[in-house]
Protein backbone atom coordinates (compact mmCIF):
# COMPACT_ATOMS: atom_id res chain seq x y z
CA MET A 1 0.00 0.00 0.00
CA HIS A 2 1.37 3.31 -1.11
CA ASP A 3 -0.13 6.63 -0.18
CA PHE A 4 0.66 9.26 -2.73
CA ILE A 5 -0.10 12.91 -2.67
CA THR A 6 -2.20 13.79 -5.58
CA PHE A 7 -2.07 17.18 -7.12
CA SER A 8 -5.32 18.52 -8.46
CA PHE A 9 -4.15 21.09 -10.97
CA PRO A 10 -6.43 24.08 -10.90
CA LEU A 11 -7.37 24.12 -7.20
CA ASP A 12 -4.00 23.18 -5.67
CA ALA A 13 -2.04 25.49 -7.96
CA LEU A 14 -4.20 28.43 -6.91
CA SER A 15 -3.75 27.50 -3.22
CA VAL A 16 0.04 27.37 -3.59
CA ILE A 17 0.11 30.73 -5.39
CA ALA A 18 -2.24 32.36 -2.83
CA GLY A 19 -0.17 30.98 0.07
CA GLY A 20 3.03 32.31 -1.50
CA ILE A 21 1.52 35.77 -1.99
CA VAL A 22 0.18 35.91 1.59
CA GLY A 23 3.57 34.77 2.96
CA PHE A 24 5.38 37.36 0.85
CA PHE A 25 3.22 40.23 2.17
CA LEU A 26 3.41 38.95 5.76
CA VAL A 27 7.18 39.50 5.67
CA PHE A 28 6.60 43.16 4.76
CA LEU A 29 3.90 43.53 7.41
CA VAL A 30 6.15 42.13 10.16
CA ASP A 31 9.02 44.40 9.03
CA PHE A 32 6.68 47.42 9.06
CA ILE A 33 5.48 46.64 12.60
CA LYS A 34 9.02 46.12 13.92
CA LYS A 35 10.70 49.02 12.10
CA PRO A 36 11.40 52.06 14.29
CA ARG A 37 9.31 55.09 13.38
CA VAL A 38 9.55 58.69 14.55
CA LYS A 39 6.56 60.55 15.95
CA ASP A 40 7.25 64.28 15.53
CA LEU A 41 6.33 66.19 18.72
CA GLY A 42 7.27 69.67 17.48
CA PHE A 43 9.74 71.92 19.24
CA SER A 44 10.64 72.96 22.76
CA VAL A 45 12.63 75.91 24.08
CA GLU A 46 15.12 75.90 26.95
CA LYS A 47 17.06 78.81 28.40
CA VAL A 48 20.64 77.88 29.28
CA ASN A 49 23.51 79.97 30.66
CA PHE A 50 24.86 80.64 27.14
CA GLY A 51 21.59 81.42 25.26
CA THR A 52 18.20 79.95 24.38
CA LEU A 53 18.10 76.54 22.73
CA TYR A 54 15.36 75.50 20.30
CA LYS A 55 15.03 71.73 20.32
CA VAL A 56 13.27 69.30 18.03
CA ARG A 57 11.15 66.84 20.00
CA PHE A 58 10.32 63.32 18.89
CA LYS A 59 9.34 59.94 20.24
CA LEU A 60 10.46 56.63 18.82
CA LYS A 61 7.82 53.99 18.08
CA GLY A 62 8.08 50.44 16.81
CA LYS A 63 9.57 47.20 18.13
CA SER A 64 13.20 47.32 16.94
CA THR A 65 15.67 49.61 18.66
CA PRO A 66 17.90 51.42 16.13
CA GLY A 67 20.94 51.56 18.43
CA LEU A 68 23.42 54.38 17.78
CA THR A 69 21.68 57.19 15.96
CA ARG A 70 22.85 60.44 14.35
CA MET A 71 20.97 63.58 13.43
CA THR A 72 22.33 65.67 10.58
CA ILE A 73 21.54 69.40 10.38
CA SER A 74 21.79 70.87 6.87
CA TRP A 75 21.43 74.55 5.90
CA CYS A 76 22.79 76.84 3.14
CA CYS A 77 25.17 74.22 1.70
CA ASN A 78 26.49 73.44 5.22
CA LYS A 79 26.09 70.26 7.21
CA VAL A 80 26.92 69.25 10.80
CA PHE A 81 25.88 66.51 13.18
CA ALA A 82 23.60 67.56 16.04
CA LYS A 83 24.93 67.64 19.59
CA TRP A 84 22.68 65.43 21.70
CA ASP A 85 21.62 66.76 25.11
CA GLU A 86 22.86 63.55 26.71
CA ALA A 87 26.40 64.17 25.40
CA PRO A 88 28.69 66.49 27.40
CA ASN A 89 29.68 69.83 25.91
CA PRO A 90 33.05 69.72 24.06
CA ILE A 91 34.74 72.03 26.53
CA ASP A 92 37.28 71.41 29.29
CA GLU A 93 36.42 71.97 32.93
CA ASP A 94 32.93 73.20 31.93
CA ASP A 95 34.52 76.51 30.89
CA MET A 96 33.03 78.01 27.70
CA LYS A 97 36.43 79.56 26.86
CA LYS A 98 38.13 76.13 26.83
CA PHE A 99 36.77 74.57 23.63
CA ASN A 100 38.34 71.18 22.90
CA PRO A 101 37.77 70.14 19.23
CA VAL A 102 38.86 66.56 19.99
CA LEU A 103 35.66 66.14 22.05
CA VAL A 104 33.25 67.20 19.26
CA PRO A 105 32.86 63.72 17.64
CA SER A 106 31.74 62.33 21.00
CA THR A 107 28.60 64.52 20.70
CA TYR A 108 27.41 62.94 17.40
CA ASP A 109 26.07 59.50 18.30
CA GLN A 110 23.33 58.62 20.76
CA PRO A 111 21.72 55.25 21.48
CA ILE A 112 17.95 55.77 21.33
CA PHE A 113 15.18 53.41 22.37
CA CYS A 114 11.55 52.83 21.36
CA GLY A 115 9.02 54.46 23.65
CA ASN A 116 11.35 57.24 24.82
CA GLU A 117 11.02 60.94 24.04
CA TYR A 118 14.07 62.89 22.86
CA ASN A 119 14.83 66.63 22.67
CA VAL A 120 17.74 67.56 20.42
CA PRO A 121 19.03 71.16 20.34
CA ILE A 122 19.09 72.49 16.78
CA VAL A 123 19.12 76.29 16.95
CA ILE A 124 20.45 78.71 19.55
CA ASN A 125 19.50 82.33 20.10
CA ASP A 126 22.82 83.83 21.15
CA ASN A 127 22.53 87.57 21.90
CA SER A 128 19.55 87.96 19.50
CA LYS A 129 21.38 86.07 16.71
CA TYR A 130 20.01 82.72 15.58
CA GLU A 131 22.64 80.08 14.86
CA ILE A 132 22.83 76.35 14.22
CA PHE A 133 23.75 74.58 17.45
CA SER A 134 26.16 71.64 17.29
CA GLY A 135 29.36 70.58 19.00
CA TRP A 136 31.23 72.94 16.65
CA TRP A 137 29.23 75.93 17.90
CA PHE A 138 31.40 76.06 21.02
CA GLY A 139 34.49 76.73 18.83
CA LYS A 140 32.90 79.14 16.35
CA ASN A 141 34.93 82.12 17.61
CA LYS A 142 38.14 80.13 17.14
CA GLY A 143 37.44 79.29 13.50
CA TYR A 144 36.08 75.76 13.99
CA GLY A 145 33.14 74.37 12.03
CA PRO A 146 30.99 76.06 9.40
CA ASP A 147 29.49 79.51 9.94
CA PRO A 148 26.42 78.79 12.11
CA SER A 149 24.66 82.11 11.29
CA LEU A 150 21.04 81.99 10.17
CA ASN A 151 18.44 84.45 8.93
CA SER A 152 14.67 84.13 9.20
CA SER A 153 14.31 82.54 5.74
CA THR A 154 17.09 79.97 6.08
CA LYS A 155 15.75 76.49 5.40
CA ILE A 156 17.00 73.85 7.84
CA THR A 157 16.77 70.12 7.13
CA LEU A 158 17.10 67.53 9.89
CA THR A 159 17.83 63.91 9.04
CA LEU A 160 17.79 61.19 11.68
CA THR A 161 19.49 57.89 10.75
CA GLY A 162 20.10 54.72 12.70
CA GLY A 163 19.99 50.96 12.59
CA SER A 164 16.93 48.80 11.81
CA GLY A 165 16.10 51.01 8.83
CA LEU A 166 15.52 54.23 10.81
CA LEU A 167 15.37 57.22 8.45
CA TRP A 168 13.41 60.40 9.21
CA SER A 169 13.63 63.91 7.85
CA LYS A 170 12.08 67.29 8.68
CA GLU A 171 12.41 70.76 7.07
CA PHE A 172 11.61 74.16 8.53
CA THR A 173 12.77 77.79 8.55
CA ILE A 174 13.68 79.92 11.57
CA SER A 175 10.55 82.04 11.05
CA GLU A 176 8.39 78.85 11.10
CA LEU A 177 10.19 77.71 14.24
CA LEU A 178 9.51 81.03 15.98
CA ILE A 179 5.84 81.06 14.87
CA LEU A 180 5.37 77.48 16.12
CA HIS A 181 7.02 78.34 19.42
CA THR A 182 4.92 81.53 19.84
CA ASN A 183 1.74 79.49 19.20
CA GLU A 184 2.80 76.92 21.83
CA ILE A 185 3.38 79.68 24.42
CA SER A 186 -0.01 81.33 23.78
CA SER A 187 -1.90 77.99 23.95
């Protein structure tokens, strides 16, 4: 006695094809659910002893943690990496006059985790002048980094990249940032 599997052409062929298609799309669905995604929470403002910082706020959603992450700030043909709040300032002995350029790269990367909210300083109001804020900002008067100066129409692009396919981008101008912040204060 031999039991053989019989293949009924039209019905079984359609079942195999349908199963393959469902399996193919399930892979994409699982990847979509696991992939880290950014929920934009707008901006926040914080006064510090060297000016007023405007920070982009976001929360990470998804199931996969991207690990080390970088945020790039681009404006007027210039580009720098953002200085994360969690990273120490690139100065010695917490003295603003003792900029140490060797410490700037340690401000670029930050491990981020799903479910947590992050505030990353992007722009600083320094004596009524708006400038891009990064680790290089601390050495601007010594010739380090690109010119951080901004005007109200300067377009700024933020790009957040990390592992697990994390890629997010946001564009705004200083005037939009100030309008958004003014609306948040009056609310």
